[in-house]
């Protein structure tokens, strides 16, 4: 598979066309970004760690019957994926209160949410990814009612699989975001799953092991990602 024209440069990944109409190549970079790009740094090894971490998670989800865009690793920083028509709505699942939910509702961080909450956000950096509801997403043509129902169902299934996976590593899956797209009329999980897009805490100490370490200036960001990887069995020995 040949990497061709650069299509898009995101906050932490670059997207390239290939010689296949159905595939793209994603390149994981060492960039770390927070607060809609207001805070940006380069963190050594981050791209390699996230690429391998994401591949591991995508394979676990596929084993559970959840279709993803992941095809195969190409190099320490590159991955081959299906080319999706992305739906501009992020799905957020929250098992515990943290981040914007606490700020919006005045809830204490760490409160368990029973059942977990499901939220939708319009993916638009210029607007700060505002929260939206299903009616708005449908009326504005971002997704159909059927697509949104499938996205919610798949997000809940991902939650079940990954809560168990991280629990076995002594961690709480606090929350996470997912992006979906259409591939040959099927709703497929896209983008990535890494500590950049979720919150993970040590079950006993509540130590933060995710991107909040970067947001809050706690340090040890990549080291925390590597710790998470080791706890769930991701092999980083060759990177």
Protein backbone atom coordinates (compact mmCIF):
# COMPACT_ATOMS: atom_id res chain seq x y z
CA UNK A 1 0.00 0.00 0.00
CA UNK A 2 1.61 3.25 -1.13
CA UNK A 3 1.33 6.46 0.91
CA UNK A 4 0.38 9.32 -1.39
CA UNK A 5 -1.12 12.82 -0.91
CA UNK A 6 -1.44 14.37 2.55
CA UNK A 7 -5.17 14.87 3.09
CA UNK A 8 -5.38 16.33 6.56
CA UNK A 9 -3.23 17.26 9.53
CA UNK A 10 -5.01 16.96 12.85
CA UNK A 11 -3.89 17.72 16.39
CA UNK A 12 -1.92 14.50 16.80
CA UNK A 13 -2.24 12.58 13.53
CA UNK A 14 -1.72 13.13 9.80
CA UNK A 15 -3.92 11.43 7.20
CA UNK A 16 -2.66 10.31 3.79
CA UNK A 17 -4.34 8.93 0.71
CA UNK A 18 -3.15 5.59 -0.65
CA UNK A 19 -3.31 3.81 -3.99
CA UNK A 20 -6.52 2.16 -2.75
CA UNK A 21 -9.81 4.08 -2.90
CA UNK A 22 -10.94 2.27 0.26
CA UNK A 23 -7.92 2.90 2.47
CA UNK A 24 -5.95 5.65 4.18
CA UNK A 25 -2.74 5.77 6.16
CA UNK A 26 -2.71 7.48 9.54
CA UNK A 27 0.55 8.76 10.96
CA UNK A 28 0.70 9.20 14.74
CA UNK A 29 2.84 12.19 15.65
CA UNK A 30 4.50 13.16 18.93
CA UNK A 31 2.30 16.27 19.26
CA UNK A 32 0.28 16.78 22.42
CA UNK A 33 -2.51 19.34 22.29
CA UNK A 34 -5.05 20.63 24.79
CA UNK A 35 -7.64 23.38 25.15
CA UNK A 36 -8.41 23.48 21.41
CA UNK A 37 -4.78 23.88 20.46
CA UNK A 38 -3.91 26.58 23.02
CA UNK A 39 -1.37 24.25 24.66
CA UNK A 40 0.91 22.29 22.31
CA UNK A 41 4.07 20.33 23.04
CA UNK A 42 6.16 17.57 21.49
CA UNK A 43 6.42 14.47 23.70
CA UNK A 44 9.07 11.94 22.74
CA UNK A 45 7.72 8.45 21.84
CA UNK A 46 4.07 9.53 22.13
CA UNK A 47 3.24 8.77 18.49
CA UNK A 48 4.73 5.28 18.66
CA UNK A 49 3.07 4.47 21.98
CA UNK A 50 -0.37 5.65 20.85
CA UNK A 51 -0.12 3.84 17.52
CA UNK A 52 0.65 0.52 19.19
CA UNK A 53 -1.87 1.13 21.98
CA UNK A 54 -4.61 1.95 19.47
CA UNK A 55 -3.87 -1.17 17.40
CA UNK A 56 -4.16 -3.34 20.52
CA UNK A 57 -7.51 -1.82 21.51
CA UNK A 58 -8.93 -2.00 17.99
CA UNK A 59 -8.02 -5.69 17.79
CA UNK A 60 -9.70 -6.36 21.15
CA UNK A 61 -12.87 -4.62 19.94
CA UNK A 62 -12.84 -6.58 16.68
CA UNK A 63 -12.59 -9.80 18.69
CA UNK A 64 -15.75 -8.67 20.51
CA UNK A 65 -17.59 -8.24 17.19
CA UNK A 66 -17.24 -4.46 16.91
CA UNK A 67 -16.16 -3.41 13.41
CA UNK A 68 -13.41 -0.80 13.33
CA UNK A 69 -11.49 0.93 10.57
CA UNK A 70 -8.20 -0.64 11.71
CA UNK A 71 -6.52 -2.87 9.15
CA UNK A 72 -2.87 -3.32 10.13
CA UNK A 73 0.21 -1.63 11.51
CA UNK A 74 2.63 -0.44 8.83
CA UNK A 75 5.44 1.00 10.95
CA UNK A 76 5.98 2.23 14.53
CA UNK A 77 3.99 5.39 13.72
CA UNK A 78 1.82 4.37 10.74
CA UNK A 79 -1.38 2.37 10.45
CA UNK A 80 -3.53 1.33 7.50
CA UNK A 81 -7.25 2.01 7.97
CA UNK A 82 -10.50 1.82 6.02
CA UNK A 83 -11.48 5.12 4.44
CA UNK A 84 -14.67 6.22 6.18
CA UNK A 85 -17.11 8.99 5.47
CA UNK A 86 -16.85 10.45 8.96
CA UNK A 87 -19.93 11.54 10.89
CA UNK A 88 -19.16 14.92 12.56
CA UNK A 89 -20.61 13.88 15.91
CA UNK A 90 -18.49 12.56 18.78
CA UNK A 91 -19.97 10.02 21.17
CA UNK A 92 -18.92 10.39 24.80
CA UNK A 93 -19.53 7.74 27.44
CA UNK A 94 -19.02 8.66 31.09
CA UNK A 95 -18.74 6.07 33.87
CA UNK A 96 -17.52 8.58 36.46
CA UNK A 97 -17.87 12.36 36.66
CA UNK A 98 -14.86 14.30 35.38
CA UNK A 99 -13.86 17.15 33.10
CA UNK A 100 -16.58 19.21 31.45
CA UNK A 101 -19.42 17.32 33.16
CA UNK A 102 -18.19 18.51 36.56
CA UNK A 103 -17.83 22.07 35.30
CA UNK A 104 -21.27 22.13 33.67
CA UNK A 105 -23.24 20.56 36.50
CA UNK A 106 -21.16 21.25 39.59
CA UNK A 107 -20.68 17.56 40.27
CA UNK A 108 -17.79 16.31 42.38
CA UNK A 109 -15.06 14.65 40.36
CA UNK A 110 -15.09 10.87 40.70
CA UNK A 111 -18.80 10.40 41.37
CA UNK A 112 -19.89 7.10 39.81
CA UNK A 113 -22.64 7.52 37.23
CA UNK A 114 -25.22 4.74 37.34
CA UNK A 115 -26.05 4.00 34.62
CA UNK A 116 -23.22 5.57 32.61
CA UNK A 117 -24.18 8.73 30.72
CA UNK A 118 -24.06 9.06 26.92
CA UNK A 119 -23.53 12.44 25.27
CA UNK A 120 -23.10 13.84 21.77
CA UNK A 121 -20.79 16.65 20.69
CA UNK A 122 -20.52 18.40 17.32
CA UNK A 123 -16.97 17.96 16.08
CA UNK A 124 -15.89 21.52 15.28
CA UNK A 125 -12.68 22.92 16.73
CA UNK A 126 -13.62 26.53 15.95
CA UNK A 127 -16.76 26.19 18.07
CA UNK A 128 -15.06 24.19 20.81
CA UNK A 129 -16.91 20.93 20.02
CA UNK A 130 -20.25 22.00 21.53
CA UNK A 131 -22.64 19.53 23.12
CA UNK A 132 -25.67 18.70 20.95
CA UNK A 133 -28.71 16.45 21.13
CA UNK A 134 -29.97 13.79 18.74
CA UNK A 135 -32.71 16.04 17.36
CA UNK A 136 -30.18 18.70 16.37
CA UNK A 137 -27.83 16.15 14.78
CA UNK A 138 -30.69 14.76 12.70
CA UNK A 139 -32.23 18.11 11.73
CA UNK A 140 -28.87 19.52 10.64
CA UNK A 141 -28.10 16.49 8.52
CA UNK A 142 -25.06 15.29 10.44
CA UNK A 143 -26.50 11.80 10.99
CA UNK A 144 -29.72 9.87 10.60
CA UNK A 145 -31.80 8.57 13.48
CA UNK A 146 -30.75 5.02 12.59
CA UNK A 147 -27.06 5.95 12.47
CA UNK A 148 -27.22 7.66 15.85
CA UNK A 149 -28.94 4.62 17.35
CA UNK A 150 -26.19 2.36 15.99
CA UNK A 151 -23.49 4.72 17.27
CA UNK A 152 -25.01 4.72 20.75
CA UNK A 153 -25.33 0.94 20.77
CA UNK A 154 -21.73 0.47 19.63
CA UNK A 155 -20.46 2.98 22.20
CA UNK A 156 -22.21 1.05 24.96
CA UNK A 157 -20.70 -2.21 23.68
CA UNK A 158 -17.23 -0.65 23.60
CA UNK A 159 -17.77 0.48 27.19
CA UNK A 160 -18.55 -3.04 28.36
CA UNK A 161 -15.48 -4.51 26.66
CA UNK A 162 -13.02 -1.83 27.76
CA UNK A 163 -14.27 -1.35 31.32
CA UNK A 164 -13.50 -5.02 31.88
CA UNK A 165 -10.13 -4.83 30.11
CA UNK A 166 -8.91 -1.86 32.14
CA UNK A 167 -10.38 -3.25 35.38
CA UNK A 168 -8.17 -6.31 34.98
CA UNK A 169 -5.24 -3.89 34.91
CA UNK A 170 -6.37 -2.24 38.15
CA UNK A 171 -7.80 0.85 36.45
CA UNK A 172 -11.09 2.72 36.18
CA UNK A 173 -12.29 3.72 32.72
CA UNK A 174 -13.66 7.11 33.72
CA UNK A 175 -14.87 8.31 30.31
CA UNK A 176 -13.99 8.22 26.63
CA UNK A 177 -14.93 9.64 23.25
CA UNK A 178 -15.49 7.76 20.00
CA UNK A 179 -15.90 8.81 16.38
CA UNK A 180 -17.75 6.82 13.74
CA UNK A 181 -18.01 6.85 9.98
CA UNK A 182 -19.74 5.09 7.11
CA UNK A 183 -17.95 2.39 5.13
CA UNK A 184 -20.00 0.83 2.32
CA UNK A 185 -23.25 1.72 4.16
CA UNK A 186 -22.02 0.31 7.49
CA UNK A 187 -21.37 2.28 10.66
CA UNK A 188 -17.75 1.63 11.62
CA UNK A 189 -15.64 2.84 14.54
CA UNK A 190 -12.97 5.25 13.33
CA UNK A 191 -10.27 7.63 14.62
CA UNK A 192 -8.31 6.12 17.54
CA UNK A 193 -8.61 4.83 21.09
CA UNK A 194 -5.68 5.85 23.27
CA UNK A 195 -5.10 7.70 26.57
CA UNK A 196 -5.41 10.88 24.49
CA UNK A 197 -9.16 10.33 24.15
CA UNK A 198 -10.20 8.77 27.44
CA UNK A 199 -9.67 9.13 31.17
CA UNK A 200 -8.06 6.31 33.12
CA UNK A 201 -7.40 6.30 36.86
CA UNK A 202 -5.62 3.82 39.08
CA UNK A 203 -8.42 2.03 40.91
CA UNK A 204 -6.86 2.36 44.37
CA UNK A 205 -4.97 5.66 44.31
CA UNK A 206 -7.01 7.49 41.62
CA UNK A 207 -3.71 8.50 39.99
CA UNK A 208 -4.45 9.94 36.57
CA UNK A 209 -2.96 7.91 33.72
CA UNK A 210 -4.26 9.81 30.72
CA UNK A 211 -4.12 13.12 28.86
CA UNK A 212 -5.21 15.02 31.97
CA UNK A 213 -1.57 14.72 33.02
CA UNK A 214 -0.78 17.01 30.08
CA UNK A 215 -3.80 19.28 30.53
CA UNK A 216 -3.08 19.79 34.21
CA UNK A 217 0.72 20.00 33.96
CA UNK A 218 1.27 16.88 36.09
CA UNK A 219 4.17 15.61 33.97
CA UNK A 220 5.05 12.03 33.10
CA UNK A 221 2.52 11.89 30.26
CA UNK A 222 4.11 9.30 28.01
CA UNK A 223 5.32 7.34 31.04
CA UNK A 224 1.70 7.11 32.22
CA UNK A 225 0.58 5.92 28.78
CA UNK A 226 3.29 3.26 28.88
CA UNK A 227 2.15 2.19 32.35
CA UNK A 228 -1.41 1.75 31.09
CA UNK A 229 -0.13 -0.26 28.13
CA UNK A 230 1.91 -2.54 30.39
CA UNK A 231 -1.05 -3.17 32.71
CA UNK A 232 -3.29 -4.39 29.88
CA UNK A 233 -0.66 -6.34 27.97
CA UNK A 234 0.32 -4.04 25.10
CA UNK A 235 3.78 -5.01 23.83
CA UNK A 236 5.93 -1.89 23.46
CA UNK A 237 9.25 -3.71 23.63
CA UNK A 238 10.26 -3.05 20.04
CA UNK A 239 9.50 0.67 19.87
